[in-house]
Amino acid sequence: MTTQEAEEQLVRFGANDPAPAHRHSAVVELPLLFVNPLGIILLIAAVISGFIGQLLDAGIIIAMVFIGVGVNFYQTYRSKIAIRSLRA
């Protein structure tokens, strides 16, 4: 690509900047992490286990869902920090 072509494309398409990030608060993002097929299936399984008297199993399932959501939230938070530092 020649310098002239690059300048023409810069005028035509604009600078190659990343799209602005959509920022949501943690209060909004955390509940959204529970809304995925696996999480919903596991929470339904926990409710069923609780109804049939398997309270230990229900507790373990719920704990695993919360641990998974917590890890996902932490990783997402860390990646957003990295993205912000790259944009700066």
PDB file of N, CA and C in Angstrom:
ATOM      1  N   MET A   1       0.854  -1.159   0.000  1.00  0.00           N
ATOM      2  CA  MET A   1       0.000   0.000   0.000  1.00  0.00           C
ATOM      3  C   MET A   1       0.908   1.232   0.000  1.00  0.00           C
ATOM      4  N   THR A   2       0.607   2.142  -0.849  1.00  0.00           N
ATOM      5  CA  THR A   2       1.397   3.366  -0.924  1.00  0.00           C
ATOM      6  C   THR A   2       0.914   4.362   0.129  1.00  0.00           C
ATOM      7  N   THR A   3       1.704   5.382   0.334  1.00  0.00           N
ATOM      8  CA  THR A   3       1.343   6.419   1.293  1.00  0.00           C
ATOM      9  C   THR A   3       0.059   7.120   0.870  1.00  0.00           C
ATOM     10  N   GLN A   4      -0.086   7.331  -0.428  1.00  0.00           N
ATOM     11  CA  GLN A   4      -1.293   7.998  -0.925  1.00  0.00           C
ATOM     12  C   GLN A   4      -2.531   7.132  -0.672  1.00  0.00           C
ATOM     13  N   GLU A   5      -2.430   5.817  -0.918  1.00  0.00           N
ATOM     14  CA  GLU A   5      -3.558   4.920  -0.647  1.00  0.00           C
ATOM     15  C   GLU A   5      -3.898   4.906   0.838  1.00  0.00           C
ATOM     16  N   ALA A   6      -2.862   4.910   1.663  1.00  0.00           N
ATOM     17  CA  ALA A   6      -3.094   4.915   3.111  1.00  0.00           C
ATOM     18  C   ALA A   6      -3.814   6.186   3.541  1.00  0.00           C
ATOM     19  N   GLU A   7      -3.405   7.319   2.997  1.00  0.00           N
ATOM     20  CA  GLU A   7      -4.064   8.573   3.337  1.00  0.00           C
ATOM     21  C   GLU A   7      -5.513   8.592   2.856  1.00  0.00           C
ATOM     22  N   GLU A   8      -5.757   8.048   1.666  1.00  0.00           N
ATOM     23  CA  GLU A   8      -7.121   7.984   1.146  1.00  0.00           C
ATOM     24  C   GLU A   8      -7.999   7.110   2.044  1.00  0.00           C
ATOM     25  N   GLN A   9      -7.479   5.973   2.466  1.00  0.00           N
ATOM     26  CA  GLN A   9      -8.252   5.089   3.334  1.00  0.00           C
ATOM     27  C   GLN A   9      -8.456   5.706   4.715  1.00  0.00           C
ATOM     28  N   LEU A  10      -7.472   6.471   5.188  1.00  0.00           N
ATOM     29  CA  LEU A  10      -7.632   7.154   6.467  1.00  0.00           C
ATOM     30  C   LEU A  10      -8.769   8.165   6.386  1.00  0.00           C
ATOM     31  N   VAL A  11      -8.842   8.887   5.268  1.00  0.00           N
ATOM     32  CA  VAL A  11      -9.925   9.848   5.086  1.00  0.00           C
ATOM     33  C   VAL A  11     -11.254   9.122   4.922  1.00  0.00           C
ATOM     34  N   ARG A  12     -11.240   8.024   4.175  1.00  0.00           N
ATOM     35  CA  ARG A  12     -12.484   7.300   3.875  1.00  0.00           C
ATOM     36  C   ARG A  12     -13.028   6.552   5.085  1.00  0.00           C
ATOM     37  N   PHE A  13     -12.164   5.836   5.794  1.00  0.00           N
ATOM     38  CA  PHE A  13     -12.617   4.966   6.888  1.00  0.00           C
ATOM     39  C   PHE A  13     -12.334   5.532   8.277  1.00  0.00           C
ATOM     40  N   GLY A  14     -11.436   6.471   8.396  1.00  0.00           N
ATOM     41  CA  GLY A  14     -11.077   7.010   9.705  1.00  0.00           C
ATOM     42  C   GLY A  14      -9.912   6.241  10.308  1.00  0.00           C
ATOM     43  N   ALA A  15      -9.518   6.678  11.474  1.00  0.00           N
ATOM     44  CA  ALA A  15      -8.390   6.049  12.168  1.00  0.00           C
ATOM     45  C   ALA A  15      -8.761   4.648  12.642  1.00  0.00           C
ATOM     46  N   ASN A  16      -7.751   3.823  12.793  1.00  0.00           N
ATOM     47  CA  ASN A  16      -7.951   2.442  13.231  1.00  0.00           C
ATOM     48  C   ASN A  16      -7.956   2.389  14.757  1.00  0.00           C
ATOM     49  N   ASP A  17      -8.983   2.970  15.345  1.00  0.00           N
ATOM     50  CA  ASP A  17      -9.127   2.995  16.800  1.00  0.00           C
ATOM     51  C   ASP A  17     -10.131   1.932  17.228  1.00  0.00           C
ATOM     52  N   PRO A  18      -9.904   1.320  18.403  1.00  0.00           N
ATOM     53  CA  PRO A  18     -10.887   0.342  18.893  1.00  0.00           C
ATOM     54  C   PRO A  18     -12.205   1.023  19.247  1.00  0.00           C
ATOM     55  N   ALA A  19     -13.253   0.255  19.154  1.00  0.00           N
ATOM     56  CA  ALA A  19     -14.577   0.776  19.498  1.00  0.00           C
ATOM     57  C   ALA A  19     -14.622   1.119  20.978  1.00  0.00           C
ATOM     58  N   PRO A  20     -15.398   2.120  21.357  1.00  0.00           N
ATOM     59  CA  PRO A  20     -15.485   2.458  22.785  1.00  0.00           C
ATOM     60  C   PRO A  20     -16.113   1.319  23.578  1.00  0.00           C
ATOM     61  N   ALA A  21     -15.614   1.155  24.779  1.00  0.00           N
ATOM     62  CA  ALA A  21     -16.098   0.068  25.632  1.00  0.00           C
ATOM     63  C   ALA A  21     -17.437   0.449  26.258  1.00  0.00           C
ATOM     64  N   HIS A  22     -18.299  -0.540  26.379  1.00  0.00           N
ATOM     65  CA  HIS A  22     -19.568  -0.352  27.081  1.00  0.00           C
ATOM     66  C   HIS A  22     -19.332  -0.717  28.534  1.00  0.00           C
ATOM     67  N   ARG A  23     -19.475   0.249  29.400  1.00  0.00           N
ATOM     68  CA  ARG A  23     -19.195   0.007  30.815  1.00  0.00           C
ATOM     69  C   ARG A  23     -20.486  -0.235  31.573  1.00  0.00           C
ATOM     70  N   HIS A  24     -20.483  -1.318  32.326  1.00  0.00           N
ATOM     71  CA  HIS A  24     -21.589  -1.638  33.215  1.00  0.00           C
ATOM     72  C   HIS A  24     -21.011  -1.780  34.611  1.00  0.00           C
ATOM     73  N   SER A  25     -21.807  -1.495  35.594  1.00  0.00           N
ATOM     74  CA  SER A  25     -21.333  -1.658  36.963  1.00  0.00           C
ATOM     75  C   SER A  25     -21.333  -3.142  37.327  1.00  0.00           C
ATOM     76  N   ALA A  26     -20.606  -3.463  38.382  1.00  0.00           N
ATOM     77  CA  ALA A  26     -20.529  -4.845  38.847  1.00  0.00           C
ATOM     78  C   ALA A  26     -21.896  -5.347  39.283  1.00  0.00           C
ATOM     79  N   VAL A  27     -22.732  -4.450  39.792  1.00  0.00           N
ATOM     80  CA  VAL A  27     -24.070  -4.833  40.244  1.00  0.00           C
ATOM     81  C   VAL A  27     -24.907  -5.320  39.057  1.00  0.00           C
ATOM     82  N   VAL A  28     -24.676  -4.765  37.889  1.00  0.00           N
ATOM     83  CA  VAL A  28     -25.417  -5.177  36.691  1.00  0.00           C
ATOM     84  C   VAL A  28     -24.793  -6.430  36.087  1.00  0.00           C
ATOM     85  N   GLU A  29     -23.466  -6.501  36.059  1.00  0.00           N
ATOM     86  CA  GLU A  29     -22.780  -7.609  35.394  1.00  0.00           C
ATOM     87  C   GLU A  29     -22.877  -8.930  36.161  1.00  0.00           C
ATOM     88  N   LEU A  30     -22.828  -8.878  37.468  1.00  0.00           N
ATOM     89  CA  LEU A  30     -22.817 -10.108  38.261  1.00  0.00           C
ATOM     90  C   LEU A  30     -24.067 -10.963  38.060  1.00  0.00           C
ATOM     91  N   PRO A  31     -25.279 -10.419  38.139  1.00  0.00           N
ATOM     92  CA  PRO A  31     -26.447 -11.269  37.906  1.00  0.00           C
ATOM     93  C   PRO A  31     -26.516 -11.822  36.476  1.00  0.00           C
ATOM     94  N   LEU A  32     -25.954 -11.080  35.518  1.00  0.00           N
ATOM     95  CA  LEU A  32     -25.979 -11.557  34.130  1.00  0.00           C
ATOM     96  C   LEU A  32     -25.120 -12.809  33.945  1.00  0.00           C
ATOM     97  N   LEU A  33     -24.139 -13.007  34.811  1.00  0.00           N
ATOM     98  CA  LEU A  33     -23.297 -14.195  34.713  1.00  0.00           C
ATOM     99  C   LEU A  33     -24.060 -15.471  35.098  1.00  0.00           C
ATOM    100  N   PHE A  34     -25.135 -15.327  35.845  1.00  0.00           N
ATOM    101  CA  PHE A  34     -25.939 -16.497  36.212  1.00  0.00           C
ATOM    102  C   PHE A  34     -26.846 -16.941  35.062  1.00  0.00           C
ATOM    103  N   VAL A  35     -27.058 -16.058  34.103  1.00  0.00           N
ATOM    104  CA  VAL A  35     -27.984 -16.346  33.006  1.00  0.00           C
ATOM    105  C   VAL A  35     -27.209 -16.973  31.861  1.00  0.00           C
ATOM    106  N   ASN A  36     -26.928 -18.248  31.998  1.00  0.00           N
ATOM    107  CA  ASN A  36     -26.345 -19.045  30.926  1.00  0.00           C
ATOM    108  C   ASN A  36     -26.934 -20.443  31.041  1.00  0.00           C
ATOM    109  N   PRO A  37     -26.954 -21.187  29.973  1.00  0.00           N
ATOM    110  CA  PRO A  37     -27.647 -22.487  29.996  1.00  0.00           C
ATOM    111  C   PRO A  37     -27.143 -23.437  31.081  1.00  0.00           C
ATOM    112  N   LEU A  38     -25.837 -23.540  31.244  1.00  0.00           N
ATOM    113  CA  LEU A  38     -25.306 -24.474  32.239  1.00  0.00           C
ATOM    114  C   LEU A  38     -25.682 -24.046  33.653  1.00  0.00           C
ATOM    115  N   GLY A  39     -25.559 -22.762  33.942  1.00  0.00           N
ATOM    116  CA  GLY A  39     -25.914 -22.268  35.268  1.00  0.00           C
ATOM    117  C   GLY A  39     -27.376 -22.493  35.598  1.00  0.00           C
ATOM    118  N   ILE A  40     -28.233 -22.247  34.619  1.00  0.00           N
ATOM    119  CA  ILE A  40     -29.672 -22.448  34.834  1.00  0.00           C
ATOM    120  C   ILE A  40     -29.988 -23.921  35.068  1.00  0.00           C
ATOM    121  N   ILE A  41     -29.390 -24.795  34.261  1.00  0.00           N
ATOM    122  CA  ILE A  41     -29.624 -26.241  34.423  1.00  0.00           C
ATOM    123  C   ILE A  41     -29.148 -26.699  35.801  1.00  0.00           C
ATOM    124  N   LEU A  42     -27.985 -26.225  36.221  1.00  0.00           N
ATOM    125  CA  LEU A  42     -27.468 -26.632  37.536  1.00  0.00           C
ATOM    126  C   LEU A  42     -28.323 -26.094  38.670  1.00  0.00           C
ATOM    127  N   LEU A  43     -28.814 -24.869  38.545  1.00  0.00           N
ATOM    128  CA  LEU A  43     -29.680 -24.338  39.597  1.00  0.00           C
ATOM    129  C   LEU A  43     -31.013 -25.089  39.648  1.00  0.00           C
ATOM    130  N   ILE A  44     -31.542 -25.482  38.502  1.00  0.00           N
ATOM    131  CA  ILE A  44     -32.763 -26.304  38.477  1.00  0.00           C
ATOM    132  C   ILE A  44     -32.486 -27.653  39.133  1.00  0.00           C
ATOM    133  N   ALA A  45     -31.316 -28.236  38.836  1.00  0.00           N
ATOM    134  CA  ALA A  45     -30.953 -29.512  39.460  1.00  0.00           C
ATOM    135  C   ALA A  45     -30.825 -29.365  40.967  1.00  0.00           C
ATOM    136  N   ALA A  46     -30.303 -28.232  41.421  1.00  0.00           N
ATOM    137  CA  ALA A  46     -30.179 -28.001  42.858  1.00  0.00           C
ATOM    138  C   ALA A  46     -31.546 -27.893  43.513  1.00  0.00           C
ATOM    139  N   VAL A  47     -32.473 -27.206  42.858  1.00  0.00           N
ATOM    140  CA  VAL A  47     -33.828 -27.081  43.410  1.00  0.00           C
ATOM    141  C   VAL A  47     -34.499 -28.449  43.485  1.00  0.00           C
ATOM    142  N   ILE A  48     -34.356 -29.230  42.438  1.00  0.00           N
ATOM    143  CA  ILE A  48     -34.951 -30.586  42.426  1.00  0.00           C
ATOM    144  C   ILE A  48     -34.323 -31.434  43.527  1.00  0.00           C
ATOM    145  N   SER A  49     -32.995 -31.353  43.662  1.00  0.00           N
ATOM    146  CA  SER A  49     -32.322 -32.123  44.719  1.00  0.00           C
ATOM    147  C   SER A  49     -32.815 -31.692  46.093  1.00  0.00           C
ATOM    148  N   GLY A  50     -33.031 -30.406  46.273  1.00  0.00           N
ATOM    149  CA  GLY A  50     -33.544 -29.929  47.556  1.00  0.00           C
ATOM    150  C   GLY A  50     -34.938 -30.432  47.840  1.00  0.00           C
ATOM    151  N   PHE A  51     -35.803 -30.476  46.805  1.00  0.00           N
ATOM    152  CA  PHE A  51     -37.175 -30.948  46.996  1.00  0.00           C
ATOM    153  C   PHE A  51     -37.248 -32.433  47.332  1.00  0.00           C
ATOM    154  N   ILE A  52     -36.319 -33.223  46.816  1.00  0.00           N
ATOM    155  CA  ILE A  52     -36.372 -34.661  47.109  1.00  0.00           C
ATOM    156  C   ILE A  52     -35.562 -35.022  48.351  1.00  0.00           C
ATOM    157  N   GLY A  53     -35.071 -34.004  49.048  1.00  0.00           N
ATOM    158  CA  GLY A  53     -34.418 -34.266  50.324  1.00  0.00           C
ATOM    159  C   GLY A  53     -32.911 -34.383  50.272  1.00  0.00           C
ATOM    160  N   GLN A  54     -32.317 -34.211  49.146  1.00  0.00           N
ATOM    161  CA  GLN A  54     -30.861 -34.300  49.028  1.00  0.00           C
ATOM    162  C   GLN A  54     -30.251 -32.909  49.244  1.00  0.00           C
ATOM    163  N   LEU A  55     -30.332 -32.432  50.472  1.00  0.00           N
ATOM    164  CA  LEU A  55     -29.891 -31.074  50.761  1.00  0.00           C
ATOM    165  C   LEU A  55     -28.388 -30.894  50.593  1.00  0.00           C
ATOM    166  N   LEU A  56     -27.607 -31.905  50.928  1.00  0.00           N
ATOM    167  CA  LEU A  56     -26.154 -31.812  50.750  1.00  0.00           C
ATOM    168  C   LEU A  56     -25.815 -31.667  49.270  1.00  0.00           C
ATOM    169  N   ASP A  57     -26.453 -32.487  48.438  1.00  0.00           N
ATOM    170  CA  ASP A  57     -26.212 -32.399  46.991  1.00  0.00           C
ATOM    171  C   ASP A  57     -26.631 -31.033  46.451  1.00  0.00           C
ATOM    172  N   ALA A  58     -27.771 -30.535  46.905  1.00  0.00           N
ATOM    173  CA  ALA A  58     -28.246 -29.221  46.465  1.00  0.00           C
ATOM    174  C   ALA A  58     -27.258 -28.134  46.872  1.00  0.00           C
ATOM    175  N   GLY A  59     -26.753 -28.221  48.078  1.00  0.00           N
ATOM    176  CA  GLY A  59     -25.776 -27.235  48.548  1.00  0.00           C
ATOM    177  C   GLY A  59     -24.481 -27.266  47.752  1.00  0.00           C
ATOM    178  N   ILE A  60     -24.031 -28.475  47.426  1.00  0.00           N
ATOM    179  CA  ILE A  60     -22.809 -28.614  46.639  1.00  0.00           C
ATOM    180  C   ILE A  60     -23.007 -28.030  45.240  1.00  0.00           C
ATOM    181  N   ILE A  61     -24.146 -28.311  44.613  1.00  0.00           N
ATOM    182  CA  ILE A  61     -24.420 -27.788  43.275  1.00  0.00           C
ATOM    183  C   ILE A  61     -24.466 -26.260  43.303  1.00  0.00           C
ATOM    184  N   ILE A  62     -25.163 -25.716  44.284  1.00  0.00           N
ATOM    185  CA  ILE A  62     -25.264 -24.253  44.394  1.00  0.00           C
ATOM    186  C   ILE A  62     -23.881 -23.646  44.645  1.00  0.00           C
ATOM    187  N   ALA A  63     -23.091 -24.281  45.492  1.00  0.00           N
ATOM    188  CA  ALA A  63     -21.742 -23.778  45.755  1.00  0.00           C
ATOM    189  C   ALA A  63     -20.897 -23.784  44.484  1.00  0.00           C
ATOM    190  N   MET A  64     -21.009 -24.833  43.694  1.00  0.00           N
ATOM    191  CA  MET A  64     -20.241 -24.915  42.449  1.00  0.00           C
ATOM    192  C   MET A  64     -20.663 -23.830  41.459  1.00  0.00           C
ATOM    193  N   VAL A  65     -21.956 -23.549  41.386  1.00  0.00           N
ATOM    194  CA  VAL A  65     -22.427 -22.486  40.501  1.00  0.00           C
ATOM    195  C   VAL A  65     -21.875 -21.138  40.963  1.00  0.00           C
ATOM    196  N   PHE A  66     -21.920 -20.879  42.268  1.00  0.00           N
ATOM    197  CA  PHE A  66     -21.406 -19.615  42.785  1.00  0.00           C
ATOM    198  C   PHE A  66     -19.896 -19.497  42.597  1.00  0.00           C
ATOM    199  N   ILE A  67     -19.178 -20.586  42.769  1.00  0.00           N
ATOM    200  CA  ILE A  67     -17.727 -20.559  42.545  1.00  0.00           C
ATOM    201  C   ILE A  67     -17.438 -20.277  41.065  1.00  0.00           C
ATOM    202  N   GLY A  68     -18.174 -20.931  40.178  1.00  0.00           N
ATOM    203  CA  GLY A  68     -17.983 -20.698  38.744  1.00  0.00           C
ATOM    204  C   GLY A  68     -18.279 -19.264  38.348  1.00  0.00           C
ATOM    205  N   VAL A  69     -19.351 -18.711  38.876  1.00  0.00           N
ATOM    206  CA  VAL A  69     -19.700 -17.319  38.583  1.00  0.00           C
ATOM    207  C   VAL A  69     -18.644 -16.386  39.165  1.00  0.00           C
ATOM    208  N   GLY A  70     -18.159 -16.694  40.357  1.00  0.00           N
ATOM    209  CA  GLY A  70     -17.124 -15.863  40.965  1.00  0.00           C
ATOM    210  C   GLY A  70     -15.833 -15.847  40.162  1.00  0.00           C
ATOM    211  N   VAL A  71     -15.411 -17.012  39.701  1.00  0.00           N
ATOM    212  CA  VAL A  71     -14.201 -17.093  38.878  1.00  0.00           C
ATOM    213  C   VAL A  71     -14.405 -16.340  37.564  1.00  0.00           C
ATOM    214  N   ASN A  72     -15.565 -16.527  36.941  1.00  0.00           N
ATOM    215  CA  ASN A  72     -15.872 -15.836  35.690  1.00  0.00           C
ATOM    216  C   ASN A  72     -15.861 -14.323  35.893  1.00  0.00           C
ATOM    217  N   PHE A  73     -16.465 -13.856  36.983  1.00  0.00           N
ATOM    218  CA  PHE A  73     -16.506 -12.424  37.274  1.00  0.00           C
ATOM    219  C   PHE A  73     -15.099 -11.878  37.476  1.00  0.00           C
ATOM    220  N   TYR A  74     -14.275 -12.599  38.215  1.00  0.00           N
ATOM    221  CA  TYR A  74     -12.900 -12.157  38.466  1.00  0.00           C
ATOM    222  C   TYR A  74     -12.102 -12.078  37.167  1.00  0.00           C
ATOM    223  N   GLN A  75     -12.207 -13.104  36.331  1.00  0.00           N
ATOM    224  CA  GLN A  75     -11.471 -13.101  35.069  1.00  0.00           C
ATOM    225  C   GLN A  75     -11.950 -11.995  34.143  1.00  0.00           C
ATOM    226  N   THR A  76     -13.241 -11.766  34.103  1.00  0.00           N
ATOM    227  CA  THR A  76     -13.793 -10.691  33.281  1.00  0.00           C
ATOM    228  C   THR A  76     -13.311  -9.340  33.790  1.00  0.00           C
ATOM    229  N   TYR A  77     -13.301  -9.161  35.089  1.00  0.00           N
ATOM    230  CA  TYR A  77     -12.834  -7.911  35.688  1.00  0.00           C
ATOM    231  C   TYR A  77     -11.374  -7.662  35.340  1.00  0.00           C
ATOM    232  N   ARG A  78     -10.541  -8.690  35.474  1.00  0.00           N
ATOM    233  CA  ARG A  78      -9.117  -8.549  35.166  1.00  0.00           C
ATOM    234  C   ARG A  78      -8.896  -8.253  33.682  1.00  0.00           C
ATOM    235  N   SER A  79      -9.661  -8.892  32.808  1.00  0.00           N
ATOM    236  CA  SER A  79      -9.497  -8.635  31.378  1.00  0.00           C
ATOM    237  C   SER A  79      -9.935  -7.220  31.026  1.00  0.00           C
ATOM    238  N   LYS A  80     -10.953  -6.696  31.685  1.00  0.00           N
ATOM    239  CA  LYS A  80     -11.375  -5.314  31.427  1.00  0.00           C
ATOM    240  C   LYS A  80     -10.312  -4.326  31.868  1.00  0.00           C
ATOM    241  N   ILE A  81      -9.639  -4.621  32.973  1.00  0.00           N
ATOM    242  CA  ILE A  81      -8.539  -3.764  33.415  1.00  0.00           C
ATOM    243  C   ILE A  81      -7.427  -3.770  32.370  1.00  0.00           C
ATOM    244  N   ALA A  82      -7.112  -4.947  31.841  1.00  0.00           N
ATOM    245  CA  ALA A  82      -6.058  -5.052  30.821  1.00  0.00           C
ATOM    246  C   ALA A  82      -6.446  -4.296  29.557  1.00  0.00           C
ATOM    247  N   ILE A  83      -7.698  -4.401  29.161  1.00  0.00           N
ATOM    248  CA  ILE A  83      -8.157  -3.700  27.965  1.00  0.00           C
ATOM    249  C   ILE A  83      -8.086  -2.183  28.175  1.00  0.00           C
ATOM    250  N   ARG A  84      -8.494  -1.719  29.361  1.00  0.00           N
ATOM    251  CA  ARG A  84      -8.417  -0.281  29.639  1.00  0.00           C
ATOM    252  C   ARG A  84      -6.980   0.216  29.590  1.00  0.00           C
ATOM    253  N   SER A  85      -6.054  -0.581  30.108  1.00  0.00           N
ATOM    254  CA  SER A  85      -4.650  -0.149  30.078  1.00  0.00           C
ATOM    255  C   SER A  85      -4.102  -0.141  28.656  1.00  0.00           C
ATOM    256  N   LEU A  86      -4.583  -1.044  27.803  1.00  0.00           N
ATOM    257  CA  LEU A  86      -4.141  -1.039  26.403  1.00  0.00           C
ATOM    258  C   LEU A  86      -4.715   0.143  25.639  1.00  0.00           C
ATOM    259  N   ARG A  87      -5.898   0.562  25.977  1.00  0.00           N
ATOM    260  CA  ARG A  87      -6.527   1.695  25.287  1.00  0.00           C
ATOM    261  C   ARG A  87      -5.906   3.025  25.705  1.00  0.00           C
ATOM    262  N   ALA A  88      -5.327   3.072  26.898  1.00  0.00           N
ATOM    263  CA  ALA A  88      -4.775   4.335  27.419  1.00  0.00           C
ATOM    264  C   ALA A  88      -3.485   4.720  26.730  1.00  0.00           C
TER     265      ALA A  88
END
